[in-house]
PDB file of N, CA and C in Angstrom:
ATOM      1  N   UNK A   1     139.946 105.302  23.272  1.00  0.00           N
ATOM      2  CA  UNK A   1     141.314 104.805  23.021  1.00  0.00           C
ATOM      3  C   UNK A   1     140.931 103.216  23.421  1.00  0.00           C
ATOM      4  N   UNK A   2     141.678 101.715  23.394  1.00  0.00           N
ATOM      5  CA  UNK A   2     141.625 101.162  24.194  1.00  0.00           C
ATOM      6  C   UNK A   2     142.666 101.025  25.087  1.00  0.00           C
ATOM      7  N   UNK A   3     142.847 100.114  26.564  1.00  0.00           N
ATOM      8  CA  UNK A   3     144.164 100.737  27.052  1.00  0.00           C
ATOM      9  C   UNK A   3     144.461  98.588  26.848  1.00  0.00           C
ATOM     10  N   UNK A   4     145.186  98.364  26.547  1.00  0.00           N
ATOM     11  CA  UNK A   4     146.162  97.068  26.142  1.00  0.00           C
ATOM     12  C   UNK A   4     147.200  96.485  27.792  1.00  0.00           C
ATOM     13  N   UNK A   5     146.713  95.591  27.415  1.00  0.00           N
ATOM     14  CA  UNK A   5     147.362  95.209  28.932  1.00  0.00           C
ATOM     15  C   UNK A   5     148.753  94.670  28.615  1.00  0.00           C
ATOM     16  N   UNK A   6     149.667  94.701  29.694  1.00  0.00           N
ATOM     17  CA  UNK A   6     151.072  94.387  29.154  1.00  0.00           C
ATOM     18  C   UNK A   6     150.736  92.603  28.681  1.00  0.00           C
ATOM     19  N   UNK A   7     152.064  92.211  28.037  1.00  0.00           N
ATOM     20  CA  UNK A   7     152.124  91.104  28.241  1.00  0.00           C
ATOM     21  C   UNK A   7     153.819  91.442  28.765  1.00  0.00           C
ATOM     22  N   UNK A   8     153.796  89.530  29.117  1.00  0.00           N
ATOM     23  CA  UNK A   8     154.912  89.493  29.990  1.00  0.00           C
ATOM     24  C   UNK A   8     155.667  88.375  29.848  1.00  0.00           C
ATOM     25  N   UNK A   9     156.607  87.541  30.364  1.00  0.00           N
ATOM     26  CA  UNK A   9     157.311  86.398  29.727  1.00  0.00           C
ATOM     27  C   UNK A   9     158.003  85.908  31.387  1.00  0.00           C
ATOM     28  N   UNK A  10     158.154  84.867  31.587  1.00  0.00           N
ATOM     29  CA  UNK A  10     158.981  84.259  32.205  1.00  0.00           C
ATOM     30  C   UNK A  10     160.586  83.596  32.475  1.00  0.00           C
ATOM     31  N   UNK A  11     161.143  84.506  33.613  1.00  0.00           N
ATOM     32  CA  UNK A  11     162.603  83.715  32.999  1.00  0.00           C
ATOM     33  C   UNK A  11     163.167  83.493  33.922  1.00  0.00           C
ATOM     34  N   UNK A  12     163.755  81.681  33.778  1.00  0.00           N
ATOM     35  CA  UNK A  12     164.034  81.324  34.923  1.00  0.00           C
ATOM     36  C   UNK A  12     165.707  80.984  34.580  1.00  0.00           C
ATOM     37  N   UNK A  13     166.199  81.553  35.653  1.00  0.00           N
ATOM     38  CA  UNK A  13     167.392  81.643  36.228  1.00  0.00           C
ATOM     39  C   UNK A  13     169.208  80.739  36.196  1.00  0.00           C
ATOM     40  N   UNK A  14     170.185  80.620  36.439  1.00  0.00           N
ATOM     41  CA  UNK A  14     171.079  79.777  35.888  1.00  0.00           C
ATOM     42  C   UNK A  14     170.671  79.415  38.153  1.00  0.00           C
ATOM     43  N   UNK A  15     169.758  79.889  38.678  1.00  0.00           N
ATOM     44  CA  UNK A  15     169.826  79.326  40.260  1.00  0.00           C
ATOM     45  C   UNK A  15     168.231  78.671  40.070  1.00  0.00           C
ATOM     46  N   UNK A  16     167.573  78.781  39.060  1.00  0.00           N
ATOM     47  CA  UNK A  16     166.288  77.901  38.954  1.00  0.00           C
ATOM     48  C   UNK A  16     165.167  79.139  39.708  1.00  0.00           C
ATOM     49  N   UNK A  17     165.739  80.047  39.781  1.00  0.00           N
ATOM     50  CA  UNK A  17     164.470  81.117  40.323  1.00  0.00           C
ATOM     51  C   UNK A  17     163.543  81.845  39.108  1.00  0.00           C
ATOM     52  N   UNK A  18     162.332  82.361  39.110  1.00  0.00           N
ATOM     53  CA  UNK A  18     161.432  82.861  38.139  1.00  0.00           C
ATOM     54  C   UNK A  18     161.956  83.586  38.346  1.00  0.00           C
ATOM     55  N   UNK A  19     161.707  85.322  37.442  1.00  0.00           N
ATOM     56  CA  UNK A  19     161.556  86.348  37.412  1.00  0.00           C
ATOM     57  C   UNK A  19     160.448  86.526  36.176  1.00  0.00           C
ATOM     58  N   UNK A  20     159.236  87.017  36.005  1.00  0.00           N
ATOM     59  CA  UNK A  20     158.680  87.486  35.854  1.00  0.00           C
ATOM     60  C   UNK A  20     158.151  89.229  34.640  1.00  0.00           C
ATOM     61  N   UNK A  21     158.820  89.421  33.702  1.00  0.00           N
ATOM     62  CA  UNK A  21     159.190  90.574  33.008  1.00  0.00           C
ATOM     63  C   UNK A  21     157.763  90.955  32.058  1.00  0.00           C
ATOM     64  N   UNK A  22     157.565  92.145  32.873  1.00  0.00           N
ATOM     65  CA  UNK A  22     156.268  92.668  32.021  1.00  0.00           C
ATOM     66  C   UNK A  22     156.922  94.000  30.462  1.00  0.00           C
ATOM     67  N   UNK A  23     156.429  94.203  29.346  1.00  0.00           N
ATOM     68  CA  UNK A  23     156.110  94.044  28.437  1.00  0.00           C
ATOM     69  C   UNK A  23     155.133  95.233  27.415  1.00  0.00           C
ATOM     70  N   UNK A  24     155.627  95.622  26.637  1.00  0.00           N
ATOM     71  CA  UNK A  24     154.866  96.127  25.719  1.00  0.00           C
ATOM     72  C   UNK A  24     155.429  95.439  24.618  1.00  0.00           C
ATOM     73  N   UNK A  25     154.603  95.121  23.256  1.00  0.00           N
ATOM     74  CA  UNK A  25     154.936  94.765  21.954  1.00  0.00           C
ATOM     75  C   UNK A  25     156.028  95.855  21.253  1.00  0.00           C
ATOM     76  N   UNK A  26     157.100  94.755  20.718  1.00  0.00           N
ATOM     77  CA  UNK A  26     157.988  94.955  20.335  1.00  0.00           C
ATOM     78  C   UNK A  26     158.782  96.395  20.741  1.00  0.00           C
ATOM     79  N   UNK A  27     158.894  96.681  22.203  1.00  0.00           N
ATOM     80  CA  UNK A  27     159.347  97.837  23.189  1.00  0.00           C
ATOM     81  C   UNK A  27     161.123  97.342  23.008  1.00  0.00           C
ATOM     82  N   UNK A  28     160.854  95.783  22.754  1.00  0.00           N
ATOM     83  CA  UNK A  28     162.526  95.448  22.892  1.00  0.00           C
ATOM     84  C   UNK A  28     162.853  94.756  21.170  1.00  0.00           C
ATOM     85  N   UNK A  29     164.056  95.948  20.910  1.00  0.00           N
ATOM     86  CA  UNK A  29     164.040  94.758  19.083  1.00  0.00           C
ATOM     87  C   UNK A  29     163.810  92.792  19.068  1.00  0.00           C
ATOM     88  N   UNK A  30     164.353  92.255  21.058  1.00  0.00           N
ATOM     89  CA  UNK A  30     164.158  90.942  21.450  1.00  0.00           C
ATOM     90  C   UNK A  30     164.459  90.331  22.019  1.00  0.00           C
ATOM     91  N   UNK A  31     164.093  89.161  22.880  1.00  0.00           N
ATOM     92  CA  UNK A  31     163.808  88.584  24.704  1.00  0.00           C
ATOM     93  C   UNK A  31     165.414  89.348  24.316  1.00  0.00           C
ATOM     94  N   UNK A  32     166.658  89.034  24.747  1.00  0.00           N
ATOM     95  CA  UNK A  32     168.014  89.242  25.140  1.00  0.00           C
ATOM     96  C   UNK A  32     167.858  89.910  25.887  1.00  0.00           C
ATOM     97  N   UNK A  33     167.147  91.417  24.416  1.00  0.00           N
ATOM     98  CA  UNK A  33     167.791  92.770  25.293  1.00  0.00           C
ATOM     99  C   UNK A  33     166.750  93.076  26.007  1.00  0.00           C
ATOM    100  N   UNK A  34     165.439  92.569  26.057  1.00  0.00           N
ATOM    101  CA  UNK A  34     163.991  92.085  27.677  1.00  0.00           C
ATOM    102  C   UNK A  34     165.486  91.592  28.568  1.00  0.00           C
ATOM    103  N   UNK A  35     165.610  90.993  28.197  1.00  0.00           N
ATOM    104  CA  UNK A  35     166.109  90.231  30.092  1.00  0.00           C
ATOM    105  C   UNK A  35     167.473  90.829  30.252  1.00  0.00           C
ATOM    106  N   UNK A  36     168.112  91.365  29.704  1.00  0.00           N
ATOM    107  CA  UNK A  36     168.951  92.773  29.678  1.00  0.00           C
ATOM    108  C   UNK A  36     169.235  93.495  30.848  1.00  0.00           C
ATOM    109  N   UNK A  37     167.566  94.032  29.580  1.00  0.00           N
ATOM    110  CA  UNK A  37     166.974  95.118  31.106  1.00  0.00           C
ATOM    111  C   UNK A  37     166.989  95.206  31.950  1.00  0.00           C
ATOM    112  N   UNK A  38     166.351  93.744  32.296  1.00  0.00           N
ATOM    113  CA  UNK A  38     165.331  94.050  33.540  1.00  0.00           C
ATOM    114  C   UNK A  38     166.048  92.776  34.337  1.00  0.00           C
ATOM    115  N   UNK A  39     167.027  92.559  33.936  1.00  0.00           N
ATOM    116  CA  UNK A  39     167.141  91.048  35.315  1.00  0.00           C
ATOM    117  C   UNK A  39     168.395  91.199  34.919  1.00  0.00           C
ATOM    118  N   UNK A  40     169.244  89.935  33.594  1.00  0.00           N
ATOM    119  CA  UNK A  40     170.422  89.157  33.898  1.00  0.00           C
ATOM    120  C   UNK A  40     171.824  90.065  32.622  1.00  0.00           C
ATOM    121  N   UNK A  41     172.864  90.302  33.414  1.00  0.00           N
ATOM    122  CA  UNK A  41     173.859  90.844  32.709  1.00  0.00           C
ATOM    123  C   UNK A  41     174.892  89.827  31.772  1.00  0.00           C
ATOM    124  N   UNK A  42     174.661  89.057  31.681  1.00  0.00           N
ATOM    125  CA  UNK A  42     176.331  88.023  32.097  1.00  0.00           C
ATOM    126  C   UNK A  42     175.623  87.162  30.361  1.00  0.00           C
ATOM    127  N   UNK A  43     174.879  87.858  29.151  1.00  0.00           N
ATOM    128  CA  UNK A  43     174.491  87.274  28.002  1.00  0.00           C
ATOM    129  C   UNK A  43     174.805  88.179  27.233  1.00  0.00           C
ATOM    130  N   UNK A  44     174.921  88.136  25.783  1.00  0.00           N
ATOM    131  CA  UNK A  44     175.035  88.803  24.329  1.00  0.00           C
ATOM    132  C   UNK A  44     176.080  88.869  24.688  1.00  0.00           C
ATOM    133  N   UNK A  45     177.412  88.754  24.852  1.00  0.00           N
ATOM    134  CA  UNK A  45     178.102  88.689  23.827  1.00  0.00           C
ATOM    135  C   UNK A  45     178.726  89.508  22.857  1.00  0.00           C
ATOM    136  N   UNK A  46     177.781  88.715  21.750  1.00  0.00           N
ATOM    137  CA  UNK A  46     178.258  88.989  20.423  1.00  0.00           C
ATOM    138  C   UNK A  46     177.334  90.296  20.052  1.00  0.00           C
ATOM    139  N   UNK A  47     176.859  91.149  20.855  1.00  0.00           N
ATOM    140  CA  UNK A  47     175.358  91.836  20.663  1.00  0.00           C
ATOM    141  C   UNK A  47     174.621  91.637  19.522  1.00  0.00           C
ATOM    142  N   UNK A  48     174.078  90.391  20.673  1.00  0.00           N
ATOM    143  CA  UNK A  48     172.031  90.640  19.101  1.00  0.00           C
ATOM    144  C   UNK A  48     172.685  90.085  17.573  1.00  0.00           C
ATOM    145  N   UNK A  49     173.561  89.695  17.728  1.00  0.00           N
ATOM    146  CA  UNK A  49     173.670  89.087  15.866  1.00  0.00           C
ATOM    147  C   UNK A  49     173.968  87.037  15.514  1.00  0.00           C
ATOM    148  N   UNK A  50     173.294  86.870  17.291  1.00  0.00           N
ATOM    149  CA  UNK A  50     173.358  85.142  17.326  1.00  0.00           C
ATOM    150  C   UNK A  50     174.516  84.204  16.316  1.00  0.00           C
ATOM    151  N   UNK A  51     175.046  84.884  17.202  1.00  0.00           N
ATOM    152  CA  UNK A  51     177.342  84.015  16.516  1.00  0.00           C
ATOM    153  C   UNK A  51     177.853  82.797  17.904  1.00  0.00           C
ATOM    154  N   UNK A  52     177.264  83.229  19.095  1.00  0.00           N
ATOM    155  CA  UNK A  52     177.979  84.046  20.323  1.00  0.00           C
ATOM    156  C   UNK A  52     177.391  82.630  21.319  1.00  0.00           C
ATOM    157  N   UNK A  53     175.967  82.386  21.595  1.00  0.00           N
ATOM    158  CA  UNK A  53     175.477  81.555  22.115  1.00  0.00           C
ATOM    159  C   UNK A  53     174.995  81.308  23.528  1.00  0.00           C
ATOM    160  N   UNK A  54     175.795  83.193  23.654  1.00  0.00           N
ATOM    161  CA  UNK A  54     175.387  83.266  25.248  1.00  0.00           C
ATOM    162  C   UNK A  54     173.710  83.313  25.798  1.00  0.00           C
ATOM    163  N   UNK A  55     173.226  83.777  25.098  1.00  0.00           N
ATOM    164  CA  UNK A  55     172.131  83.796  25.570  1.00  0.00           C
ATOM    165  C   UNK A  55     171.168  82.719  24.870  1.00  0.00           C
ATOM    166  N   UNK A  56     171.082  81.688  25.043  1.00  0.00           N
ATOM    167  CA  UNK A  56     170.692  80.955  24.698  1.00  0.00           C
ATOM    168  C   UNK A  56     170.208  80.022  25.915  1.00  0.00           C
ATOM    169  N   UNK A  57     168.968  79.973  24.589  1.00  0.00           N
ATOM    170  CA  UNK A  57     167.255  79.260  26.487  1.00  0.00           C
ATOM    171  C   UNK A  57     167.164  78.853  25.746  1.00  0.00           C
ATOM    172  N   UNK A  58     165.957  78.248  26.902  1.00  0.00           N
ATOM    173  CA  UNK A  58     164.654  76.674  26.253  1.00  0.00           C
ATOM    174  C   UNK A  58     163.403  77.713  26.225  1.00  0.00           C
ATOM    175  N   UNK A  59     163.053  77.802  25.600  1.00  0.00           N
ATOM    176  CA  UNK A  59     161.051  78.065  26.059  1.00  0.00           C
ATOM    177  C   UNK A  59     160.900  76.276  26.556  1.00  0.00           C
ATOM    178  N   UNK A  60     160.046  77.005  27.006  1.00  0.00           N
ATOM    179  CA  UNK A  60     158.735  75.895  26.968  1.00  0.00           C
ATOM    180  C   UNK A  60     157.683  74.943  26.647  1.00  0.00           C
ATOM    181  N   UNK A  61     157.876  76.123  25.133  1.00  0.00           N
ATOM    182  CA  UNK A  61     156.879  75.869  24.112  1.00  0.00           C
ATOM    183  C   UNK A  61     157.693  76.162  22.559  1.00  0.00           C
ATOM    184  N   UNK A  62     157.004  75.903  20.968  1.00  0.00           N
ATOM    185  CA  UNK A  62     157.057  76.047  20.923  1.00  0.00           C
ATOM    186  C   UNK A  62     156.329  77.778  20.194  1.00  0.00           C
ATOM    187  N   UNK A  63     157.427  78.566  19.218  1.00  0.00           N
ATOM    188  CA  UNK A  63     156.694  80.176  19.272  1.00  0.00           C
ATOM    189  C   UNK A  63     156.504  79.968  17.808  1.00  0.00           C
ATOM    190  N   UNK A  64     155.525  80.356  17.795  1.00  0.00           N
ATOM    191  CA  UNK A  64     154.532  79.865  16.696  1.00  0.00           C
ATOM    192  C   UNK A  64     154.675  80.540  15.298  1.00  0.00           C
ATOM    193  N   UNK A  65     156.034  79.625  14.139  1.00  0.00           N
ATOM    194  CA  UNK A  65     155.690  79.831  13.184  1.00  0.00           C
ATOM    195  C   UNK A  65     157.190  81.035  13.078  1.00  0.00           C
ATOM    196  N   UNK A  66     157.349  80.809  14.609  1.00  0.00           N
ATOM    197  CA  UNK A  66     158.505  81.596  13.744  1.00  0.00           C
ATOM    198  C   UNK A  66     160.334  80.460  14.232  1.00  0.00           C
ATOM    199  N   UNK A  67     160.527  79.625  13.167  1.00  0.00           N
ATOM    200  CA  UNK A  67     161.562  79.040  12.347  1.00  0.00           C
ATOM    201  C   UNK A  67     162.831  79.750  12.676  1.00  0.00           C
ATOM    202  N   UNK A  68     163.972  79.354  13.349  1.00  0.00           N
ATOM    203  CA  UNK A  68     165.620  79.590  13.177  1.00  0.00           C
ATOM    204  C   UNK A  68     166.266  79.456  12.429  1.00  0.00           C
ATOM    205  N   UNK A  69     166.933  80.981  11.859  1.00  0.00           N
ATOM    206  CA  UNK A  69     167.538  80.505  10.480  1.00  0.00           C
ATOM    207  C   UNK A  69     168.515  79.715  10.415  1.00  0.00           C
ATOM    208  N   UNK A  70     169.705  80.114   9.232  1.00  0.00           N
ATOM    209  CA  UNK A  70     170.544  78.995   9.169  1.00  0.00           C
ATOM    210  C   UNK A  70     171.440  79.196  10.350  1.00  0.00           C
ATOM    211  N   UNK A  71     171.590  80.888  10.235  1.00  0.00           N
ATOM    212  CA  UNK A  71     173.135  81.324  11.642  1.00  0.00           C
ATOM    213  C   UNK A  71     172.748  80.825  13.102  1.00  0.00           C
ATOM    214  N   UNK A  72     171.413  80.751  13.697  1.00  0.00           N
ATOM    215  CA  UNK A  72     171.071  80.419  13.919  1.00  0.00           C
ATOM    216  C   UNK A  72     171.269  79.079  14.660  1.00  0.00           C
ATOM    217  N   UNK A  73     170.525  77.909  13.516  1.00  0.00           N
ATOM    218  CA  UNK A  73     170.944  77.190  13.510  1.00  0.00           C
ATOM    219  C   UNK A  73     171.935  76.372  14.077  1.00  0.00           C
ATOM    220  N   UNK A  74     173.180  77.496  13.463  1.00  0.00           N
ATOM    221  CA  UNK A  74     174.400  76.700  13.503  1.00  0.00           C
ATOM    222  C   UNK A  74     175.269  76.877  14.616  1.00  0.00           C
ATOM    223  N   UNK A  75     175.153  78.349  14.958  1.00  0.00           N
ATOM    224  CA  UNK A  75     175.461  78.573  16.567  1.00  0.00           C
ATOM    225  C   UNK A  75     174.780  77.345  17.487  1.00  0.00           C
ATOM    226  N   UNK A  76     173.812  77.661  17.930  1.00  0.00           N
ATOM    227  CA  UNK A  76     172.671  76.107  18.047  1.00  0.00           C
ATOM    228  C   UNK A  76     173.820  74.632  17.730  1.00  0.00           C
ATOM    229  N   UNK A  77     174.332  74.710  16.816  1.00  0.00           N
ATOM    230  CA  UNK A  77     174.789  73.258  16.877  1.00  0.00           C
ATOM    231  C   UNK A  77     175.889  73.036  17.739  1.00  0.00           C
ATOM    232  N   UNK A  78     176.676  74.448  17.346  1.00  0.00           N
ATOM    233  CA  UNK A  78     178.252  74.423  18.463  1.00  0.00           C
ATOM    234  C   UNK A  78     177.271  73.831  20.475  1.00  0.00           C
ATOM    235  N   UNK A  79     176.110  74.713  21.098  1.00  0.00           N
ATOM    236  CA  UNK A  79     175.977  74.552  22.099  1.00  0.00           C
ATOM    237  C   UNK A  79     175.990  73.389  22.995  1.00  0.00           C
ATOM    238  N   UNK A  80     176.974  73.044  23.665  1.00  0.00           N
ATOM    239  CA  UNK A  80     176.593  71.151  24.552  1.00  0.00           C
ATOM    240  C   UNK A  80     175.926  71.048  25.169  1.00  0.00           C
ATOM    241  N   UNK A  81     174.666  72.502  25.575  1.00  0.00           N
ATOM    242  CA  UNK A  81     173.607  71.884  26.245  1.00  0.00           C
ATOM    243  C   UNK A  81     172.745  72.314  25.515  1.00  0.00           C
ATOM    244  N   UNK A  82     172.436  71.755  24.298  1.00  0.00           N
ATOM    245  CA  UNK A  82     171.085  72.421  23.179  1.00  0.00           C
ATOM    246  C   UNK A  82     170.304  71.079  23.018  1.00  0.00           C
ATOM    247  N   UNK A  83     169.068  71.084  23.093  1.00  0.00           N
ATOM    248  CA  UNK A  83     168.019  70.495  23.082  1.00  0.00           C
ATOM    249  C   UNK A  83     166.995  70.884  21.749  1.00  0.00           C
ATOM    250  N   UNK A  84     166.413  70.139  21.062  1.00  0.00           N
ATOM    251  CA  UNK A  84     165.410  70.164  20.052  1.00  0.00           C
ATOM    252  C   UNK A  84     164.457  71.691  19.739  1.00  0.00           C
ATOM    253  N   UNK A  85     164.725  72.336  21.726  1.00  0.00           N
ATOM    254  CA  UNK A  85     163.084  73.187  21.744  1.00  0.00           C
ATOM    255  C   UNK A  85     164.635  75.028  21.709  1.00  0.00           C
ATOM    256  N   UNK A  86     165.378  73.828  21.767  1.00  0.00           N
ATOM    257  CA  UNK A  86     166.817  75.793  22.291  1.00  0.00           C
ATOM    258  C   UNK A  86     166.656  76.695  20.857  1.00  0.00           C
ATOM    259  N   UNK A  87     166.401  77.685  22.006  1.00  0.00           N
ATOM    260  CA  UNK A  87     166.344  79.134  20.534  1.00  0.00           C
ATOM    261  C   UNK A  87     167.749  79.779  21.693  1.00  0.00           C
ATOM    262  N   UNK A  88     168.372  81.180  20.851  1.00  0.00           N
ATOM    263  CA  UNK A  88     168.491  82.512  20.762  1.00  0.00           C
ATOM    264  C   UNK A  88     167.933  83.043  21.396  1.00  0.00           C
ATOM    265  N   UNK A  89     167.838  83.898  22.623  1.00  0.00           N
ATOM    266  CA  UNK A  89     166.685  84.638  22.783  1.00  0.00           C
ATOM    267  C   UNK A  89     167.314  86.321  21.696  1.00  0.00           C
ATOM    268  N   UNK A  90     168.644  86.384  21.469  1.00  0.00           N
ATOM    269  CA  UNK A  90     168.415  87.456  21.114  1.00  0.00           C
ATOM    270  C   UNK A  90     167.678  87.466  19.210  1.00  0.00           C
ATOM    271  N   UNK A  91     167.336  86.346  18.550  1.00  0.00           N
ATOM    272  CA  UNK A  91     166.957  86.215  17.064  1.00  0.00           C
ATOM    273  C   UNK A  91     165.485  86.230  18.336  1.00  0.00           C
ATOM    274  N   UNK A  92     164.721  86.198  18.679  1.00  0.00           N
ATOM    275  CA  UNK A  92     163.174  86.072  19.602  1.00  0.00           C
ATOM    276  C   UNK A  92     162.447  87.372  20.122  1.00  0.00           C
ATOM    277  N   UNK A  93     161.899  87.354  18.789  1.00  0.00           N
ATOM    278  CA  UNK A  93     161.221  89.336  19.306  1.00  0.00           C
ATOM    279  C   UNK A  93     160.217  89.589  19.829  1.00  0.00           C
ATOM    280  N   UNK A  94     160.229  89.835  20.664  1.00  0.00           N
ATOM    281  CA  UNK A  94     159.701  90.335  21.669  1.00  0.00           C
ATOM    282  C   UNK A  94     158.111  91.317  21.421  1.00  0.00           C
ATOM    283  N   UNK A  95     157.032  90.049  20.907  1.00  0.00           N
ATOM    284  CA  UNK A  95     155.733  90.272  20.575  1.00  0.00           C
ATOM    285  C   UNK A  95     154.832  89.508  21.536  1.00  0.00           C
ATOM    286  N   UNK A  96     153.503  89.356  20.635  1.00  0.00           N
ATOM    287  CA  UNK A  96     152.118  88.726  20.755  1.00  0.00           C
ATOM    288  C   UNK A  96     153.125  87.118  20.960  1.00  0.00           C
ATOM    289  N   UNK A  97     153.580  86.778  20.343  1.00  0.00           N
ATOM    290  CA  UNK A  97     153.741  85.010  20.008  1.00  0.00           C
ATOM    291  C   UNK A  97     154.272  84.436  21.484  1.00  0.00           C
ATOM    292  N   UNK A  98     155.537  85.228  22.286  1.00  0.00           N
ATOM    293  CA  UNK A  98     155.870  85.033  23.179  1.00  0.00           C
ATOM    294  C   UNK A  98     154.857  85.432  25.296  1.00  0.00           C
ATOM    295  N   UNK A  99     153.823  86.225  25.396  1.00  0.00           N
ATOM    296  CA  UNK A  99     153.143  86.216  26.194  1.00  0.00           C
ATOM    297  C   UNK A  99     152.753  84.963  27.015  1.00  0.00           C
ATOM    298  N   UNK A 100     153.319  85.589  27.867  1.00  0.00           N
ATOM    299  CA  UNK A 100     152.987  83.820  29.309  1.00  0.00           C
ATOM    300  C   UNK A 100     154.156  82.790  28.824  1.00  0.00           C
ATOM    301  N   UNK A 101     154.713  82.967  27.899  1.00  0.00           N
ATOM    302  CA  UNK A 101     155.507  82.040  27.671  1.00  0.00           C
ATOM    303  C   UNK A 101     156.869  81.820  29.119  1.00  0.00           C
ATOM    304  N   UNK A 102     157.742  80.717  28.872  1.00  0.00           N
ATOM    305  CA  UNK A 102     158.995  80.716  29.685  1.00  0.00           C
ATOM    306  C   UNK A 102     159.958  80.204  29.209  1.00  0.00           C
ATOM    307  N   UNK A 103     160.647  80.929  30.254  1.00  0.00           N
ATOM    308  CA  UNK A 103     162.004  81.007  29.215  1.00  0.00           C
ATOM    309  C   UNK A 103     163.598  80.444  29.925  1.00  0.00           C
ATOM    310  N   UNK A 104     164.060  79.242  30.194  1.00  0.00           N
ATOM    311  CA  UNK A 104     164.914  78.936  30.669  1.00  0.00           C
ATOM    312  C   UNK A 104     166.327  78.995  30.329  1.00  0.00           C
ATOM    313  N   UNK A 105     167.224  80.187  31.053  1.00  0.00           N
ATOM    314  CA  UNK A 105     168.559  80.291  30.707  1.00  0.00           C
ATOM    315  C   UNK A 105     169.435  79.413  31.291  1.00  0.00           C
ATOM    316  N   UNK A 106     170.116  79.185  29.897  1.00  0.00           N
ATOM    317  CA  UNK A 106     170.963  77.806  29.483  1.00  0.00           C
ATOM    318  C   UNK A 106     172.424  78.075  29.748  1.00  0.00           C
ATOM    319  N   UNK A 107     173.580  77.984  30.688  1.00  0.00           N
ATOM    320  CA  UNK A 107     174.746  78.360  30.931  1.00  0.00           C
ATOM    321  C   UNK A 107     175.787  77.386  29.687  1.00  0.00           C
ATOM    322  N   UNK A 108     176.831  77.600  28.722  1.00  0.00           N
ATOM    323  CA  UNK A 108     176.506  76.478  27.692  1.00  0.00           C
ATOM    324  C   UNK A 108     178.389  76.943  27.836  1.00  0.00           C
ATOM    325  N   UNK A 109     178.332  77.487  28.536  1.00  0.00           N
ATOM    326  CA  UNK A 109     179.943  77.718  28.690  1.00  0.00           C
ATOM    327  C   UNK A 109     181.065  76.814  30.304  1.00  0.00           C
TER     328      UNK A 109
END
């Protein structure tokens, strides 16, 4: 039996403090749930449907082959702090693709 090393992400909060969060692949439905469970409770007003933009994050790099769907793009287009790398945490799966990535929470409200 092989022991797998936990994956992790770093979250930069609204005060620019960095939080390292360990997780197992697919332990959570998405990055938003991981963040809420381990740290931050002020995101996810729409319950992860990609409609509200309260879980707006900017990753430090592109997530390989994970392209935003039309609903996520429409929501991101309404956010004043959007950049080319912006994503909704509720639309990012918690798998190996995000291991060791850093995500900055963006407050657009």
